[in-house]
Amino acid sequence: PFDLVILENGQYNEAWPYIHNLPGQPLQAAKDLQAKRVFAVHSAKFALAQHPWDEPLTKLIASNRAHNFPLVTPMIGEVVRLKDSTQTFKHWWLQLE
């Protein structure tokens, strides 16, 4: 098992299944890895794919209801204490237009 896994979560497209994870796949990977926490990366910074910029994080939160992983989803520039398993993160992307 892993204390923290850093998994790509964004810039996906059904046409690119071997390049980027589709929604739900990062959490399944975390489950397979027996992760204690999931740090979602490669989302909410710039658009490479056709989905809205905040869709990967929104779908990750929705999918996580079934898994209940502590998610590491910092706002750009926010300090992440990698060894602090009690650190929590706001759903900052929901407050932006």
Protein backbone atom coordinates (compact mmCIF):
# COMPACT_ATOMS: atom_id res chain seq x y z
CA PRO A 1 0.00 0.00 0.00
CA PHE A 2 0.98 3.63 -0.53
CA ASP A 3 0.55 6.60 1.82
CA LEU A 4 0.08 8.96 -1.13
CA VAL A 5 -0.35 8.38 -4.85
CA ILE A 6 -0.07 11.13 -7.45
CA LEU A 7 -2.39 10.33 -10.33
CA GLU A 8 -3.22 12.16 -13.53
CA ASN A 9 -6.83 13.36 -13.60
CA GLY A 10 -7.66 15.53 -16.56
CA GLN A 11 -7.25 16.52 -20.17
CA TYR A 12 -8.97 13.32 -21.26
CA ASN A 13 -10.94 12.31 -24.30
CA GLU A 14 -12.55 9.01 -25.29
CA ALA A 15 -10.25 9.06 -28.35
CA TRP A 16 -7.15 9.10 -26.09
CA PRO A 17 -7.73 6.17 -23.71
CA TYR A 18 -4.04 5.20 -23.69
CA ILE A 19 -2.73 8.73 -23.10
CA HIS A 20 -4.88 10.12 -20.26
CA ASN A 21 -7.08 8.60 -17.59
CA LEU A 22 -10.80 8.86 -18.16
CA PRO A 23 -13.02 9.94 -15.25
CA GLY A 24 -13.17 7.26 -12.59
CA GLN A 25 -9.91 5.59 -13.61
CA PRO A 26 -7.68 7.52 -11.17
CA LEU A 27 -9.77 6.36 -8.21
CA GLN A 28 -9.81 2.78 -9.43
CA ALA A 29 -6.03 2.96 -9.78
CA ALA A 30 -5.79 4.35 -6.25
CA LYS A 31 -7.92 1.48 -4.98
CA ASP A 32 -5.74 -1.04 -6.85
CA LEU A 33 -2.64 0.57 -5.31
CA GLN A 34 -4.20 0.47 -1.84
CA ALA A 35 -3.61 4.21 -1.52
CA LYS A 36 -4.34 6.12 1.65
CA ARG A 37 -4.54 9.52 -0.14
CA VAL A 38 -4.86 10.63 -3.76
CA PHE A 39 -3.15 13.71 -5.20
CA ALA A 40 -4.97 14.56 -8.43
CA VAL A 41 -2.76 16.28 -11.01
CA HIS A 42 -2.93 17.46 -14.63
CA SER A 43 -6.28 19.19 -14.25
CA ALA A 44 -7.74 22.68 -13.73
CA LYS A 45 -4.78 24.62 -15.10
CA PHE A 46 -5.27 24.90 -18.84
CA ALA A 47 -7.44 23.22 -21.45
CA LEU A 48 -6.00 20.64 -23.82
CA ALA A 49 -9.17 18.60 -24.21
CA GLN A 50 -12.76 19.49 -25.08
CA HIS A 51 -14.19 19.18 -21.57
CA PRO A 52 -14.71 22.22 -19.31
CA TRP A 53 -11.61 23.13 -17.29
CA ASP A 54 -13.20 22.17 -13.95
CA GLU A 55 -14.90 18.95 -15.10
CA PRO A 56 -12.07 16.59 -14.04
CA LEU A 57 -12.15 17.82 -10.43
CA THR A 58 -15.95 17.90 -10.32
CA LYS A 59 -16.15 14.33 -11.62
CA LEU A 60 -13.38 13.20 -9.27
CA ILE A 61 -15.30 14.51 -6.26
CA ALA A 62 -18.50 12.84 -7.46
CA SER A 63 -16.74 9.52 -8.13
CA ASN A 64 -14.99 9.66 -4.79
CA ARG A 65 -18.30 9.34 -2.92
CA ALA A 66 -18.06 5.61 -3.64
CA HIS A 67 -14.39 5.35 -2.56
CA ASN A 68 -14.00 7.97 0.17
CA PHE A 69 -10.30 8.66 -0.42
CA PRO A 70 -8.81 11.75 1.18
CA LEU A 71 -8.14 13.87 -1.91
CA VAL A 72 -5.28 16.31 -2.35
CA THR A 73 -6.70 19.02 -4.62
CA PRO A 74 -4.76 22.22 -3.94
CA MET A 75 -5.49 25.51 -5.60
CA ILE A 76 -2.56 26.60 -7.78
CA GLY A 77 0.13 27.89 -5.42
CA GLU A 78 -1.37 26.33 -2.29
CA VAL A 79 1.12 24.60 -0.02
CA VAL A 80 0.71 20.83 0.24
CA ARG A 81 2.17 19.11 3.27
CA LEU A 82 2.88 15.70 1.78
CA LYS A 83 3.41 13.98 5.12
CA ASP A 84 0.32 15.53 6.73
CA SER A 85 -2.53 13.11 6.19
CA THR A 86 -4.92 15.42 8.07
CA GLN A 87 -4.56 18.36 5.66
CA THR A 88 -7.83 19.10 3.89
CA PHE A 89 -8.59 21.08 0.75
CA LYS A 90 -11.54 23.22 -0.23
CA HIS A 91 -13.41 22.64 -3.48
CA TRP A 92 -11.99 25.94 -4.72
CA TRP A 93 -13.01 25.41 -8.36
CA LEU A 94 -16.71 25.54 -7.39
CA GLN A 95 -16.27 29.18 -6.33
CA LEU A 96 -14.96 30.30 -9.73
CA GLU A 97 -16.93 31.12 -12.85
